[in-house]
N, C-alpha and C. Protein backbone atom coordinates (compact mmCIF):
# COMPACT_ATOMS: atom_id res chain seq x y z
N MET A 1 30.74 150.41 -255.41
CA MET A 1 31.66 150.29 -255.16
C MET A 1 32.06 151.38 -254.68
N THR A 2 33.22 150.96 -253.47
CA THR A 2 33.56 152.61 -252.36
C THR A 2 34.73 152.62 -253.64
N GLN A 3 34.97 154.03 -252.88
CA GLN A 3 36.29 155.04 -253.29
C GLN A 3 37.35 154.67 -252.39
N PRO A 4 38.43 154.54 -253.08
CA PRO A 4 39.61 154.08 -252.42
C PRO A 4 39.83 155.73 -251.17
N ASP A 5 39.28 156.63 -251.99
CA ASP A 5 39.84 157.86 -251.42
C ASP A 5 38.70 158.71 -250.26
N ALA A 6 37.42 157.63 -249.95
CA ALA A 6 36.50 157.67 -249.17
C ALA A 6 36.70 156.31 -247.86
N TRP A 7 37.67 156.07 -247.29
CA TRP A 7 37.54 155.42 -246.70
C TRP A 7 37.42 156.01 -245.13
N PRO A 8 36.04 155.13 -244.74
CA PRO A 8 35.76 156.30 -243.14
C PRO A 8 36.17 156.07 -242.00
N TYR A 9 37.19 155.44 -242.24
CA TYR A 9 38.37 154.61 -240.35
C TYR A 9 39.16 155.89 -240.93
N PRO A 10 39.99 155.47 -239.77
CA PRO A 10 41.59 156.29 -239.72
C PRO A 10 41.93 155.24 -240.30
N GLU A 11 43.02 156.18 -240.56
CA GLU A 11 44.46 155.30 -240.42
C GLU A 11 45.37 154.40 -239.51
N PRO A 12 45.91 153.17 -239.37
CA PRO A 12 46.49 152.74 -238.37
C PRO A 12 47.45 153.56 -237.70
N TYR A 13 48.13 154.31 -238.03
CA TYR A 13 48.63 155.56 -237.44
C TYR A 13 48.10 155.66 -236.74
N GLU A 14 46.81 156.62 -236.50
CA GLU A 14 45.65 157.41 -236.13
C GLU A 14 45.42 156.46 -234.97
N TRP A 15 45.45 154.99 -235.01
CA TRP A 15 44.40 154.51 -234.10
C TRP A 15 44.99 154.89 -232.18
N ALA A 16 46.09 154.74 -232.45
CA ALA A 16 46.73 154.30 -230.91
C ALA A 16 46.49 156.07 -230.57
N ASP A 17 46.05 155.97 -228.78
CA ASP A 17 46.38 157.24 -228.08
C ASP A 17 47.71 157.72 -227.74
N GLU A 18 48.42 158.83 -227.51
CA GLU A 18 49.23 159.17 -227.37
C GLU A 18 49.53 158.65 -225.84
N PRO A 19 50.78 157.50 -225.86
CA PRO A 19 50.99 156.85 -224.40
C PRO A 19 51.03 157.75 -223.44
N ASP A 20 50.67 157.41 -222.11
CA ASP A 20 50.72 158.35 -220.71
C ASP A 20 52.28 158.86 -220.35
N PRO A 21 52.72 159.11 -219.49
CA PRO A 21 54.25 160.16 -219.03
C PRO A 21 55.09 158.68 -218.91
N VAL A 22 54.59 157.44 -217.74
CA VAL A 22 55.57 157.05 -217.67
C VAL A 22 55.83 155.73 -218.78
N THR A 23 54.40 154.79 -219.60
CA THR A 23 54.50 154.57 -221.13
C THR A 23 55.77 154.70 -222.24
N GLN A 24 55.71 156.62 -222.30
CA GLN A 24 56.70 157.36 -223.07
C GLN A 24 57.86 157.45 -222.97
N GLN A 25 58.34 156.70 -221.24
CA GLN A 25 59.59 157.11 -220.62
C GLN A 25 59.89 155.45 -220.56
N ALA A 26 59.10 154.73 -220.47
CA ALA A 26 59.58 153.40 -220.57
C ALA A 26 60.20 152.82 -222.22
N ILE A 27 59.19 153.43 -223.49
CA ILE A 27 59.91 153.54 -224.58
C ILE A 27 60.69 154.30 -225.29
N ASP A 28 61.40 155.55 -224.22
CA ASP A 28 62.26 155.92 -224.97
C ASP A 28 63.81 155.10 -224.28
N GLU A 29 63.37 154.42 -223.00
CA GLU A 29 64.18 153.89 -222.17
C GLU A 29 64.72 152.24 -223.01
N ALA A 30 63.54 151.68 -223.93
CA ALA A 30 64.44 150.47 -224.30
C ALA A 30 64.67 151.01 -225.51
N ARG A 31 63.97 152.11 -226.55
CA ARG A 31 64.91 152.49 -227.41
C ARG A 31 66.31 153.01 -227.84
N GLU A 32 66.66 153.66 -226.12
CA GLU A 32 68.13 153.89 -226.14
C GLU A 32 68.88 153.09 -225.55
N ASP A 33 67.80 151.42 -225.30
CA ASP A 33 68.84 150.20 -225.30
C ASP A 33 69.69 149.56 -226.15
N ILE A 34 68.11 149.67 -227.63
CA ILE A 34 68.20 149.11 -228.43
C ILE A 34 69.37 149.99 -229.40
N ALA A 35 69.22 150.98 -229.16
CA ALA A 35 70.30 152.18 -230.34
C ALA A 35 71.97 151.85 -229.71
N ALA A 36 71.77 150.97 -228.04
CA ALA A 36 72.87 150.94 -227.47
C ALA A 36 73.68 149.28 -227.79
N GLY A 37 73.30 148.51 -228.33
CA GLY A 37 72.77 147.52 -228.86
C GLY A 37 73.06 146.76 -227.28
N ASP A 38 71.97 146.96 -226.63
CA ASP A 38 71.46 146.15 -225.21
C ASP A 38 69.68 145.66 -225.71
N PHE A 39 69.71 145.14 -226.18
CA PHE A 39 68.24 144.16 -225.95
C PHE A 39 68.54 142.31 -225.81
N VAL A 40 67.23 141.88 -225.69
CA VAL A 40 67.16 140.63 -225.39
C VAL A 40 66.16 140.01 -226.10
N ILE A 41 66.37 138.93 -226.93
CA ILE A 41 65.38 137.84 -227.23
C ILE A 41 64.67 136.96 -226.76
N HIS A 42 63.52 136.52 -226.62
CA HIS A 42 62.99 135.67 -226.03
C HIS A 42 62.10 135.09 -226.81
N ASP A 43 61.85 133.63 -226.42
CA ASP A 43 61.61 132.62 -228.23
C ASP A 43 59.86 132.44 -226.98
N ASP A 44 59.47 132.67 -226.16
CA ASP A 44 58.38 131.96 -225.19
C ASP A 44 58.10 133.21 -224.48
N PHE A 45 56.70 133.08 -224.01
CA PHE A 45 56.53 133.78 -222.87
C PHE A 45 57.46 133.32 -221.50
N ASP A 46 57.12 132.20 -221.45
CA ASP A 46 57.87 131.27 -219.92
C ASP A 46 59.13 131.98 -219.78
N SER A 47 60.15 132.02 -221.02
CA SER A 47 61.35 132.07 -220.58
C SER A 47 61.32 133.57 -220.24
N PHE A 48 60.66 134.57 -221.17
CA PHE A 48 60.61 135.96 -220.42
C PHE A 48 60.24 136.43 -219.26
N ASP A 49 58.79 135.85 -218.75
CA ASP A 49 58.79 135.85 -217.19
C ASP A 49 60.14 135.38 -216.30
N ALA A 50 60.72 133.98 -217.18
CA ALA A 50 61.97 134.13 -215.96
C ALA A 50 62.93 134.85 -215.79
N PHE A 51 63.23 135.28 -216.88
CA PHE A 51 64.47 136.46 -217.59
C PHE A 51 63.56 137.88 -216.51
N LEU A 52 62.57 138.11 -216.34
CA LEU A 52 62.04 139.17 -215.10
C LEU A 52 61.62 138.89 -214.25
N GLY A 53 61.88 137.70 -214.01
CA GLY A 53 62.23 137.09 -212.11
C GLY A 53 63.35 137.56 -211.76
N GLU A 54 64.37 137.15 -212.84
CA GLU A 54 65.75 137.91 -212.52
C GLU A 54 65.72 139.33 -212.13
N LEU A 55 65.42 139.43 -212.68
CA LEU A 55 65.71 141.43 -213.55
C LEU A 55 65.58 141.72 -212.10
N GLU A 56 64.12 141.58 -211.38
CA GLU A 56 63.24 141.72 -210.24
C GLU A 56 64.34 141.28 -209.10
N ALA A 57 65.09 140.03 -208.93
CA ALA A 57 66.00 140.05 -207.66
C ALA A 57 67.03 140.23 -207.66
N ARG A 58 67.96 140.50 -208.69
CA ARG A 58 68.63 141.67 -209.27
C ARG A 58 68.97 143.01 -209.94
N PRO A 59 68.29 143.46 -209.13
CA PRO A 59 67.56 145.40 -210.29
C PRO A 59 69.11 145.73 -209.97
N ARG A 60 69.44 146.19 -211.49
CA ARG A 60 70.99 146.43 -212.19
C ARG A 60 70.87 147.97 -212.11
N ALA A 61 72.09 148.94 -211.48
CA ALA A 61 72.08 149.89 -210.88
C ALA A 61 72.22 150.42 -212.40
N SER A 62 71.55 152.11 -212.03
CA SER A 62 71.37 152.97 -212.74
C SER A 62 72.65 154.09 -212.47
């Protein structure tokens, strides 16, 4: 029988590597948007892809 404290694998929070700088910036910007109340929810990939297409066609000025 395996002892609970003898688990040979890392905890789930230890599985991921640190994100690269570009990914970290995207994560930080997304968190800022959510904190400001600016976020979008889509029910499927097709509607999300359509939304991304709209953003590419008319990018928002920063």
